[in-house]
Amino acid sequence: MSNDSTAQRELYNKYSPKMLAVCYRFAHNREDAEDMLQEGFIKVFLQIHTFENRGAFEGWIRRIIVHTCINILKKNKKFNESVDIIHATSVQIREDSVPAIIQAKQVVECIRLLPIGYRTVLNLYAVEGYSHREIANMLDIEESTSRSQYTRARAMLEDILIKKRILHKPKQDVDWLAAVGQR
């Protein structure tokens, strides 16, 4: 398949919409997401011979796409952008949640408003299901940094959801991140 353009096109057409959504959560804009997607699929095509039929093929592609996104962010040093000190001091740690009826698209759009470091850790942990140890290894940060970035990202995201009137009550008992991912 690595040299079969028809098979590559079929594979791309089948999986690219879902993988573009993955890239979009990490990217600054649609163009960056499309660039991440293209680079990710180049890696998929180059590495397709390594797929061992263990687990889902889509999951294998997704891992390559996620790692491609992270590598692009690291290469462009976008992950290292710091959070504005005003935001960092106003973040409150909460374990509240919002209704499950929130549409995933609204939550994803609000996630995109987070600083890139927060957004990256939130996506990797809450949506992609990586552990804080795995995230720390991927991003070359401490595990405690991953945990604190995640906690702050959740709190900041909740504040954004409240300000945009997507979340009306800060204390509800449904996990709002379930609207976009695994956790």
N, C-alpha and C. Protein backbone atom coordinates (compact mmCIF):
# COMPACT_ATOMS: atom_id res chain seq x y z
N MET A 1 0.82 -1.20 0.00
CA MET A 1 0.00 0.00 0.00
C MET A 1 0.86 1.26 0.00
N SER A 2 2.10 1.16 0.47
CA SER A 2 2.91 2.37 0.57
C SER A 2 3.15 3.03 -0.78
N ASN A 3 3.00 2.28 -1.87
CA ASN A 3 3.17 2.88 -3.20
C ASN A 3 1.90 2.83 -4.02
N ASP A 4 0.81 2.36 -3.48
CA ASP A 4 -0.45 2.24 -4.20
C ASP A 4 -1.30 3.48 -3.96
N SER A 5 -1.28 4.40 -4.93
CA SER A 5 -1.96 5.68 -4.73
C SER A 5 -3.48 5.52 -4.60
N THR A 6 -4.08 4.55 -5.25
CA THR A 6 -5.53 4.34 -5.15
C THR A 6 -5.89 3.90 -3.73
N ALA A 7 -5.13 2.97 -3.19
CA ALA A 7 -5.38 2.49 -1.82
C ALA A 7 -5.13 3.61 -0.82
N GLN A 8 -4.09 4.40 -1.05
CA GLN A 8 -3.81 5.52 -0.16
C GLN A 8 -4.95 6.52 -0.18
N ARG A 9 -5.47 6.82 -1.35
CA ARG A 9 -6.58 7.77 -1.47
C ARG A 9 -7.82 7.25 -0.73
N GLU A 10 -8.11 5.95 -0.89
CA GLU A 10 -9.27 5.36 -0.21
C GLU A 10 -9.09 5.42 1.31
N LEU A 11 -7.90 5.09 1.77
CA LEU A 11 -7.60 5.16 3.21
C LEU A 11 -7.75 6.59 3.72
N TYR A 12 -7.19 7.52 2.99
CA TYR A 12 -7.28 8.93 3.37
C TYR A 12 -8.74 9.39 3.40
N ASN A 13 -9.50 9.07 2.37
CA ASN A 13 -10.91 9.48 2.32
C ASN A 13 -11.72 8.88 3.46
N LYS A 14 -11.38 7.67 3.85
CA LYS A 14 -12.13 7.01 4.93
C LYS A 14 -11.83 7.61 6.30
N TYR A 15 -10.55 7.89 6.57
CA TYR A 15 -10.16 8.28 7.92
C TYR A 15 -9.86 9.78 8.10
N SER A 16 -9.68 10.51 7.03
CA SER A 16 -9.27 11.90 7.18
C SER A 16 -10.29 12.78 7.91
N PRO A 17 -11.60 12.61 7.73
CA PRO A 17 -12.52 13.49 8.48
C PRO A 17 -12.37 13.35 10.00
N LYS A 18 -12.27 12.13 10.49
CA LYS A 18 -12.09 11.93 11.94
C LYS A 18 -10.73 12.44 12.40
N MET A 19 -9.71 12.20 11.60
CA MET A 19 -8.37 12.62 12.00
C MET A 19 -8.21 14.13 11.90
N LEU A 20 -8.92 14.78 10.99
CA LEU A 20 -8.89 16.23 10.93
C LEU A 20 -9.47 16.82 12.21
N ALA A 21 -10.52 16.18 12.73
CA ALA A 21 -11.09 16.64 14.00
C ALA A 21 -10.07 16.53 15.12
N VAL A 22 -9.28 15.47 15.12
CA VAL A 22 -8.21 15.31 16.11
C VAL A 22 -7.20 16.45 15.96
N CYS A 23 -6.75 16.69 14.75
CA CYS A 23 -5.77 17.74 14.49
C CYS A 23 -6.31 19.11 14.87
N TYR A 24 -7.57 19.32 14.58
CA TYR A 24 -8.20 20.61 14.84
C TYR A 24 -8.15 20.97 16.32
N ARG A 25 -8.26 19.97 17.19
CA ARG A 25 -8.21 20.24 18.62
C ARG A 25 -6.83 20.71 19.07
N PHE A 26 -5.80 20.33 18.36
CA PHE A 26 -4.43 20.73 18.72
C PHE A 26 -3.98 22.00 18.00
N ALA A 27 -4.53 22.25 16.84
CA ALA A 27 -4.05 23.32 15.97
C ALA A 27 -4.58 24.68 16.36
N HIS A 28 -3.88 25.70 15.88
CA HIS A 28 -4.28 27.09 16.12
C HIS A 28 -5.43 27.49 15.20
N ASN A 29 -5.44 26.92 14.00
CA ASN A 29 -6.51 27.25 13.05
C ASN A 29 -6.68 26.07 12.08
N ARG A 30 -7.65 26.18 11.19
CA ARG A 30 -7.95 25.09 10.27
C ARG A 30 -6.76 24.78 9.36
N GLU A 31 -6.08 25.79 8.90
CA GLU A 31 -4.94 25.57 8.00
C GLU A 31 -3.85 24.76 8.71
N ASP A 32 -3.56 25.11 9.95
CA ASP A 32 -2.57 24.34 10.73
C ASP A 32 -3.05 22.90 10.91
N ALA A 33 -4.34 22.72 11.18
CA ALA A 33 -4.89 21.38 11.35
C ALA A 33 -4.74 20.57 10.06
N GLU A 34 -5.00 21.19 8.93
CA GLU A 34 -4.86 20.50 7.65
C GLU A 34 -3.40 20.13 7.38
N ASP A 35 -2.48 21.02 7.76
CA ASP A 35 -1.05 20.71 7.62
C ASP A 35 -0.66 19.52 8.50
N MET A 36 -1.17 19.51 9.74
CA MET A 36 -0.90 18.40 10.65
C MET A 36 -1.45 17.10 10.08
N LEU A 37 -2.64 17.18 9.52
CA LEU A 37 -3.28 16.00 8.94
C LEU A 37 -2.44 15.45 7.78
N GLN A 38 -2.00 16.33 6.90
CA GLN A 38 -1.21 15.89 5.75
C GLN A 38 0.10 15.24 6.20
N GLU A 39 0.77 15.89 7.13
CA GLU A 39 2.03 15.32 7.63
C GLU A 39 1.78 13.99 8.33
N GLY A 40 0.68 13.91 9.08
CA GLY A 40 0.34 12.66 9.76
C GLY A 40 0.06 11.53 8.78
N PHE A 41 -0.66 11.81 7.72
CA PHE A 41 -0.96 10.75 6.76
C PHE A 41 0.27 10.34 5.96
N ILE A 42 1.19 11.25 5.75
CA ILE A 42 2.46 10.85 5.11
C ILE A 42 3.14 9.82 6.00
N LYS A 43 3.15 10.05 7.31
CA LYS A 43 3.75 9.09 8.24
C LYS A 43 2.98 7.78 8.24
N VAL A 44 1.65 7.85 8.19
CA VAL A 44 0.84 6.63 8.13
C VAL A 44 1.24 5.80 6.92
N PHE A 45 1.33 6.45 5.76
CA PHE A 45 1.67 5.72 4.53
C PHE A 45 3.08 5.15 4.58
N LEU A 46 4.00 5.90 5.18
CA LEU A 46 5.38 5.41 5.28
C LEU A 46 5.52 4.28 6.29
N GLN A 47 4.65 4.25 7.31
CA GLN A 47 4.77 3.27 8.38
C GLN A 47 3.72 2.15 8.30
N ILE A 48 2.91 2.13 7.27
CA ILE A 48 1.80 1.18 7.20
C ILE A 48 2.27 -0.27 7.30
N HIS A 49 3.47 -0.52 6.84
CA HIS A 49 4.01 -1.87 6.91
C HIS A 49 4.28 -2.32 8.35
N THR A 50 4.30 -1.39 9.29
CA THR A 50 4.56 -1.75 10.70
C THR A 50 3.29 -2.10 11.46
N PHE A 51 2.12 -1.86 10.87
CA PHE A 51 0.86 -2.20 11.56
C PHE A 51 0.80 -3.72 11.68
N GLU A 52 0.57 -4.21 12.91
CA GLU A 52 0.63 -5.64 13.20
C GLU A 52 -0.73 -6.28 13.44
N ASN A 53 -1.79 -5.63 13.02
CA ASN A 53 -3.15 -6.16 13.21
C ASN A 53 -3.48 -6.43 14.68
N ARG A 54 -2.87 -5.67 15.55
CA ARG A 54 -3.20 -5.73 16.99
C ARG A 54 -3.97 -4.46 17.30
N GLY A 55 -5.17 -4.61 17.75
CA GLY A 55 -5.98 -3.43 18.02
C GLY A 55 -6.60 -2.88 16.74
N ALA A 56 -7.31 -1.79 16.91
CA ALA A 56 -8.02 -1.19 15.79
C ALA A 56 -7.07 -0.42 14.88
N PHE A 57 -7.28 -0.56 13.60
CA PHE A 57 -6.48 0.16 12.62
C PHE A 57 -6.68 1.67 12.78
N GLU A 58 -7.92 2.08 13.03
CA GLU A 58 -8.21 3.51 13.23
C GLU A 58 -7.45 4.04 14.44
N GLY A 59 -7.36 3.25 15.51
CA GLY A 59 -6.61 3.65 16.69
C GLY A 59 -5.12 3.81 16.39
N TRP A 60 -4.59 2.93 15.56
CA TRP A 60 -3.19 3.02 15.15
C TRP A 60 -2.95 4.32 14.39
N ILE A 61 -3.85 4.62 13.45
CA ILE A 61 -3.73 5.87 12.69
C ILE A 61 -3.83 7.07 13.63
N ARG A 62 -4.79 7.02 14.56
CA ARG A 62 -5.00 8.12 15.49
C ARG A 62 -3.76 8.41 16.32
N ARG A 63 -3.08 7.34 16.79
CA ARG A 63 -1.85 7.54 17.57
C ARG A 63 -0.79 8.25 16.73
N ILE A 64 -0.65 7.87 15.47
CA ILE A 64 0.32 8.53 14.60
C ILE A 64 -0.06 10.00 14.42
N ILE A 65 -1.33 10.26 14.21
CA ILE A 65 -1.79 11.64 14.01
C ILE A 65 -1.54 12.47 15.27
N VAL A 66 -1.88 11.94 16.43
CA VAL A 66 -1.68 12.67 17.69
C VAL A 66 -0.20 12.96 17.89
N HIS A 67 0.65 11.98 17.69
CA HIS A 67 2.09 12.19 17.87
C HIS A 67 2.62 13.19 16.84
N THR A 68 2.08 13.17 15.65
CA THR A 68 2.47 14.15 14.64
C THR A 68 2.10 15.57 15.11
N CYS A 69 0.89 15.72 15.62
CA CYS A 69 0.47 17.03 16.13
C CYS A 69 1.40 17.52 17.23
N ILE A 70 1.70 16.64 18.18
CA ILE A 70 2.58 17.01 19.29
C ILE A 70 3.96 17.38 18.77
N ASN A 71 4.49 16.60 17.84
CA ASN A 71 5.82 16.90 17.30
C ASN A 71 5.84 18.23 16.58
N ILE A 72 4.79 18.55 15.86
CA ILE A 72 4.72 19.84 15.17
C ILE A 72 4.66 20.98 16.18
N LEU A 73 3.86 20.81 17.23
CA LEU A 73 3.79 21.85 18.27
C LEU A 73 5.15 22.04 18.94
N LYS A 74 5.82 20.94 19.24
CA LYS A 74 7.13 21.03 19.87
C LYS A 74 8.15 21.66 18.93
N LYS A 75 8.12 21.26 17.66
CA LYS A 75 9.06 21.80 16.68
C LYS A 75 8.88 23.30 16.52
N ASN A 76 7.65 23.74 16.54
CA ASN A 76 7.36 25.17 16.40
C ASN A 76 7.39 25.90 17.73
N LYS A 77 7.71 25.16 18.78
CA LYS A 77 7.81 25.70 20.13
C LYS A 77 6.51 26.36 20.59
N LYS A 78 5.41 25.94 20.00
CA LYS A 78 4.12 26.52 20.38
C LYS A 78 3.66 26.01 21.74
N PHE A 79 4.10 24.80 22.10
CA PHE A 79 3.68 24.26 23.39
C PHE A 79 4.28 25.06 24.54
N ASN A 80 5.43 25.65 24.31
CA ASN A 80 6.12 26.37 25.37
C ASN A 80 5.59 27.77 25.62
N GLU A 81 4.58 28.19 24.84
CA GLU A 81 4.00 29.51 25.09
C GLU A 81 3.42 29.51 26.50
N SER A 82 3.75 30.52 27.26
CA SER A 82 3.31 30.54 28.64
C SER A 82 1.92 31.15 28.76
N VAL A 83 1.28 30.82 29.86
CA VAL A 83 -0.04 31.36 30.14
C VAL A 83 0.13 32.76 30.71
N ASP A 84 -0.69 33.66 30.26
CA ASP A 84 -0.69 35.02 30.78
C ASP A 84 -0.85 34.97 32.29
N ILE A 85 -0.06 35.71 33.02
CA ILE A 85 -0.08 35.67 34.48
C ILE A 85 -1.44 36.07 35.05
N ILE A 86 -2.17 36.90 34.34
CA ILE A 86 -3.51 37.28 34.80
C ILE A 86 -4.41 36.05 34.82
N HIS A 87 -4.33 35.24 33.77
CA HIS A 87 -5.14 34.02 33.72
C HIS A 87 -4.69 33.03 34.78
N ALA A 88 -3.39 32.88 34.96
CA ALA A 88 -2.88 31.90 35.89
C ALA A 88 -3.31 32.20 37.32
N THR A 89 -3.40 33.47 37.69
CA THR A 89 -3.78 33.78 39.06
C THR A 89 -5.28 33.71 39.26
N SER A 90 -6.06 33.81 38.18
CA SER A 90 -7.51 33.77 38.34
C SER A 90 -8.09 32.37 38.24
N VAL A 91 -7.26 31.40 37.87
CA VAL A 91 -7.75 30.04 37.73
C VAL A 91 -8.02 29.44 39.11
N GLN A 92 -9.20 28.89 39.25
CA GLN A 92 -9.57 28.23 40.48
C GLN A 92 -9.74 26.75 40.20
N ILE A 93 -9.25 25.93 41.10
CA ILE A 93 -9.37 24.50 40.90
C ILE A 93 -10.76 24.07 41.35
N ARG A 94 -11.48 23.43 40.45
CA ARG A 94 -12.83 22.96 40.74
C ARG A 94 -12.99 21.55 40.19
N GLU A 95 -13.86 20.81 40.77
CA GLU A 95 -14.20 19.51 40.23
C GLU A 95 -15.68 19.51 39.84
N ASP A 96 -16.13 20.58 39.27
CA ASP A 96 -17.51 20.70 38.84
C ASP A 96 -17.65 20.17 37.42
N SER A 97 -18.86 20.04 36.98
CA SER A 97 -19.07 19.58 35.62
C SER A 97 -20.30 20.24 35.04
N VAL A 98 -20.50 20.04 33.75
CA VAL A 98 -21.62 20.65 33.06
C VAL A 98 -22.50 19.58 32.44
N PRO A 99 -23.66 19.94 32.00
CA PRO A 99 -24.57 18.93 31.48
C PRO A 99 -24.02 18.19 30.26
N ALA A 100 -24.38 16.94 30.17
CA ALA A 100 -23.95 16.12 29.05
C ALA A 100 -24.60 16.55 27.74
N ILE A 101 -25.63 17.39 27.83
CA ILE A 101 -26.33 17.79 26.61
C ILE A 101 -25.58 18.85 25.81
N ILE A 102 -24.50 19.38 26.38
CA ILE A 102 -23.70 20.36 25.63
C ILE A 102 -23.19 19.68 24.36
N GLN A 103 -23.33 20.33 23.28
CA GLN A 103 -22.84 19.76 22.03
C GLN A 103 -21.33 19.77 22.02
N ALA A 104 -20.77 18.67 21.55
CA ALA A 104 -19.32 18.53 21.52
C ALA A 104 -18.65 19.66 20.74
N LYS A 105 -19.28 20.11 19.70
CA LYS A 105 -18.69 21.19 18.89
C LYS A 105 -18.49 22.45 19.72
N GLN A 106 -19.44 22.79 20.57
CA GLN A 106 -19.30 23.98 21.41
C GLN A 106 -18.15 23.82 22.38
N VAL A 107 -18.03 22.65 22.96
CA VAL A 107 -16.95 22.40 23.92
C VAL A 107 -15.60 22.46 23.21
N VAL A 108 -15.52 21.85 22.02
CA VAL A 108 -14.26 21.87 21.27
C VAL A 108 -13.87 23.30 20.92
N GLU A 109 -14.83 24.10 20.51
CA GLU A 109 -14.54 25.50 20.19
C GLU A 109 -14.03 26.25 21.42
N CYS A 110 -14.58 25.94 22.56
CA CYS A 110 -14.11 26.59 23.80
C CYS A 110 -12.73 26.07 24.19
N ILE A 111 -12.47 24.79 23.97
CA ILE A 111 -11.14 24.24 24.25
C ILE A 111 -10.10 24.97 23.42
N ARG A 112 -10.44 25.31 22.19
CA ARG A 112 -9.50 26.00 21.30
C ARG A 112 -9.14 27.39 21.80
N LEU A 113 -9.90 27.93 22.75
CA LEU A 113 -9.60 29.25 23.31
C LEU A 113 -8.55 29.17 24.42
N LEU A 114 -8.26 27.97 24.89
CA LEU A 114 -7.27 27.80 25.95
C LEU A 114 -5.87 28.05 25.41
N PRO A 115 -4.95 28.49 26.28
CA PRO A 115 -3.54 28.58 25.87
C PRO A 115 -3.08 27.21 25.39
N ILE A 116 -2.16 27.18 24.44
CA ILE A 116 -1.76 25.95 23.77
C ILE A 116 -1.29 24.87 24.75
N GLY A 117 -0.57 25.23 25.79
CA GLY A 117 -0.11 24.23 26.76
C GLY A 117 -1.27 23.57 27.48
N TYR A 118 -2.21 24.36 27.93
CA TYR A 118 -3.40 23.83 28.60
C TYR A 118 -4.18 22.96 27.63
N ARG A 119 -4.39 23.48 26.43
CA ARG A 119 -5.20 22.78 25.43
C ARG A 119 -4.58 21.43 25.07
N THR A 120 -3.27 21.41 24.93
CA THR A 120 -2.59 20.18 24.55
C THR A 120 -2.74 19.12 25.62
N VAL A 121 -2.47 19.47 26.87
CA VAL A 121 -2.58 18.50 27.96
C VAL A 121 -4.03 18.05 28.13
N LEU A 122 -4.97 18.97 28.07
CA LEU A 122 -6.38 18.62 28.19
C LEU A 122 -6.79 17.63 27.10
N ASN A 123 -6.40 17.90 25.87
CA ASN A 123 -6.72 16.99 24.77
C ASN A 123 -6.09 15.62 24.96
N LEU A 124 -4.81 15.60 25.32
CA LEU A 124 -4.13 14.32 25.48
C LEU A 124 -4.71 13.50 26.62
N TYR A 125 -5.03 14.15 27.74
CA TYR A 125 -5.52 13.41 28.89
C TYR A 125 -7.01 13.10 28.79
N ALA A 126 -7.82 14.13 28.61
CA ALA A 126 -9.27 13.96 28.70
C ALA A 126 -9.89 13.38 27.43
N VAL A 127 -9.31 13.70 26.29
CA VAL A 127 -9.92 13.25 25.04
C VAL A 127 -9.22 12.01 24.48
N GLU A 128 -7.90 12.04 24.43
CA GLU A 128 -7.15 10.93 23.85
C GLU A 128 -6.90 9.80 24.84
N GLY A 129 -7.00 10.08 26.14
CA GLY A 129 -6.88 9.03 27.14
C GLY A 129 -5.47 8.67 27.58
N TYR A 130 -4.50 9.52 27.29
CA TYR A 130 -3.15 9.26 27.75
C TYR A 130 -3.03 9.55 29.24
N SER A 131 -2.12 8.87 29.92
CA SER A 131 -1.87 9.13 31.33
C SER A 131 -0.97 10.36 31.46
N HIS A 132 -0.92 10.93 32.66
CA HIS A 132 -0.04 12.08 32.86
C HIS A 132 1.43 11.70 32.66
N ARG A 133 1.79 10.49 32.98
CA ARG A 133 3.16 10.02 32.76
C ARG A 133 3.47 9.98 31.26
N GLU A 134 2.54 9.45 30.47
CA GLU A 134 2.74 9.40 29.03
C GLU A 134 2.82 10.81 28.43
N ILE A 135 1.96 11.69 28.91
CA ILE A 135 1.96 13.07 28.43
C ILE A 135 3.29 13.74 28.76
N ALA A 136 3.76 13.53 29.98
CA ALA A 136 5.04 14.11 30.39
C ALA A 136 6.17 13.65 29.46
N ASN A 137 6.16 12.37 29.12
CA ASN A 137 7.19 11.84 28.22
C ASN A 137 7.06 12.43 26.82
N MET A 138 5.83 12.55 26.33
CA MET A 138 5.61 13.10 24.97
C MET A 138 6.05 14.55 24.87
N LEU A 139 5.75 15.32 25.91
CA LEU A 139 5.97 16.77 25.86
C LEU A 139 7.27 17.22 26.52
N ASP A 140 8.02 16.27 27.05
CA ASP A 140 9.27 16.58 27.75
C ASP A 140 9.03 17.55 28.91
N ILE A 141 8.02 17.22 29.73
CA ILE A 141 7.71 18.01 30.92
C ILE A 141 7.63 17.06 32.10
N GLU A 142 7.52 17.60 33.29
CA GLU A 142 7.34 16.78 34.49
C GLU A 142 5.91 16.28 34.55
N GLU A 143 5.71 15.12 35.16
CA GLU A 143 4.36 14.58 35.33
C GLU A 143 3.50 15.54 36.15
N SER A 144 4.09 16.17 37.16
CA SER A 144 3.34 17.13 37.98
C SER A 144 2.91 18.34 37.15
N THR A 145 3.72 18.72 36.16
CA THR A 145 3.35 19.82 35.27
C THR A 145 2.14 19.44 34.43
N SER A 146 2.13 18.21 33.95
CA SER A 146 0.97 17.73 33.19
C SER A 146 -0.28 17.78 34.05
N ARG A 147 -0.18 17.32 35.27
CA ARG A 147 -1.35 17.32 36.18
C ARG A 147 -1.84 18.75 36.45
N SER A 148 -0.91 19.64 36.73
CA SER A 148 -1.34 21.01 37.05
C SER A 148 -1.89 21.72 35.80
N GLN A 149 -1.29 21.48 34.63
CA GLN A 149 -1.81 22.07 33.39
C GLN A 149 -3.24 21.56 33.13
N TYR A 150 -3.46 20.28 33.39
CA TYR A 150 -4.79 19.70 33.19
C TYR A 150 -5.81 20.33 34.15
N THR A 151 -5.44 20.43 35.41
CA THR A 151 -6.35 21.01 36.40
C THR A 151 -6.68 22.46 36.05
N ARG A 152 -5.68 23.21 35.68
CA ARG A 152 -5.90 24.60 35.31
C ARG A 152 -6.70 24.71 34.01
N ALA A 153 -6.44 23.81 33.08
CA ALA A 153 -7.19 23.82 31.82
C ALA A 153 -8.67 23.55 32.07
N ARG A 154 -8.97 22.58 32.93
CA ARG A 154 -10.38 22.28 33.26
C ARG A 154 -11.05 23.50 33.86
N ALA A 155 -10.37 24.13 34.80
CA ALA A 155 -10.96 25.30 35.48
C ALA A 155 -11.15 26.45 34.50
N MET A 156 -10.14 26.70 33.66
CA MET A 156 -10.25 27.79 32.70
C MET A 156 -11.34 27.49 31.67
N LEU A 157 -11.42 26.24 31.23
CA LEU A 157 -12.45 25.86 30.28
C LEU A 157 -13.84 26.04 30.89
N GLU A 158 -13.99 25.66 32.12
CA GLU A 158 -15.27 25.86 32.80
C GLU A 158 -15.63 27.34 32.84
N ASP A 159 -14.66 28.18 33.17
CA ASP A 159 -14.91 29.63 33.19
C ASP A 159 -15.35 30.13 31.81
N ILE A 160 -14.69 29.64 30.77
CA ILE A 160 -15.06 30.04 29.41
C ILE A 160 -16.49 29.59 29.10
N LEU A 161 -16.81 28.35 29.47
CA LEU A 161 -18.15 27.83 29.21
C LEU A 161 -19.22 28.66 29.94
N ILE A 162 -18.90 29.10 31.14
CA ILE A 162 -19.83 29.92 31.90
C ILE A 162 -19.98 31.29 31.24
N LYS A 163 -18.85 31.90 30.88
CA LYS A 163 -18.89 33.22 30.25
C LYS A 163 -19.62 33.21 28.92
N LYS A 164 -19.52 32.12 28.18
CA LYS A 164 -20.21 32.01 26.89
C LYS A 164 -21.65 31.51 27.06
N ARG A 165 -22.05 31.35 28.30
CA ARG A 165 -23.41 30.92 28.65
C ARG A 165 -23.75 29.54 28.09
N ILE A 166 -22.73 28.73 27.91
CA ILE A 166 -22.93 27.34 27.53
C ILE A 166 -23.21 26.54 28.80
N LEU A 167 -22.51 26.92 29.85
CA LEU A 167 -22.70 26.34 31.17
C LEU A 167 -23.41 27.39 32.01
N HIS A 168 -24.54 27.03 32.58
CA HIS A 168 -25.31 27.99 33.35
C HIS A 168 -25.11 27.85 34.84
N LYS A 169 -24.81 26.65 35.29
CA LYS A 169 -24.58 26.43 36.71
C LYS A 169 -23.21 25.77 36.87
N PRO A 170 -22.37 26.30 37.72
CA PRO A 170 -21.04 25.71 37.86
C PRO A 170 -21.02 24.37 38.58
N LYS A 171 -22.07 24.01 39.29
CA LYS A 171 -22.04 22.74 40.02
C LYS A 171 -23.14 21.83 39.53
N GLN A 172 -22.73 20.87 38.74
CA GLN A 172 -23.64 19.83 38.27
C GLN A 172 -22.88 18.52 38.32
N ASP A 173 -23.57 17.43 38.18
CA ASP A 173 -22.93 16.15 38.44
C ASP A 173 -22.69 15.28 37.21
N VAL A 174 -22.55 15.87 36.05
CA VAL A 174 -22.24 15.11 34.85
C VAL A 174 -20.87 15.56 34.33
N ASP A 175 -20.06 14.62 33.92
CA ASP A 175 -18.72 14.98 33.44
C ASP A 175 -18.82 15.62 32.06
N TRP A 176 -18.53 16.93 31.98
CA TRP A 176 -18.67 17.68 30.74
C TRP A 176 -17.64 17.31 29.71
N LEU A 177 -16.51 16.76 30.11
CA LEU A 177 -15.51 16.35 29.13
C LEU A 177 -15.95 15.10 28.38
N ALA A 178 -16.93 14.41 28.91
CA ALA A 178 -17.46 13.25 28.20
C ALA A 178 -18.11 13.68 26.89
N ALA A 179 -18.44 14.95 26.77
CA ALA A 179 -19.06 15.46 25.55
C ALA A 179 -18.09 15.38 24.37
N VAL A 180 -16.78 15.41 24.63
CA VAL A 180 -15.82 15.39 23.54
C VAL A 180 -14.85 14.22 23.59
N GLY A 181 -14.85 13.44 24.63
CA GLY A 181 -13.84 12.40 24.70
C GLY A 181 -14.14 11.29 25.65
N GLN A 182 -13.08 10.69 26.14
CA GLN A 182 -13.17 9.47 26.93
C GLN A 182 -13.39 9.71 28.41
N ARG A 183 -12.94 10.82 28.94
CA ARG A 183 -12.98 10.99 30.40
C ARG A 183 -14.15 11.81 30.84
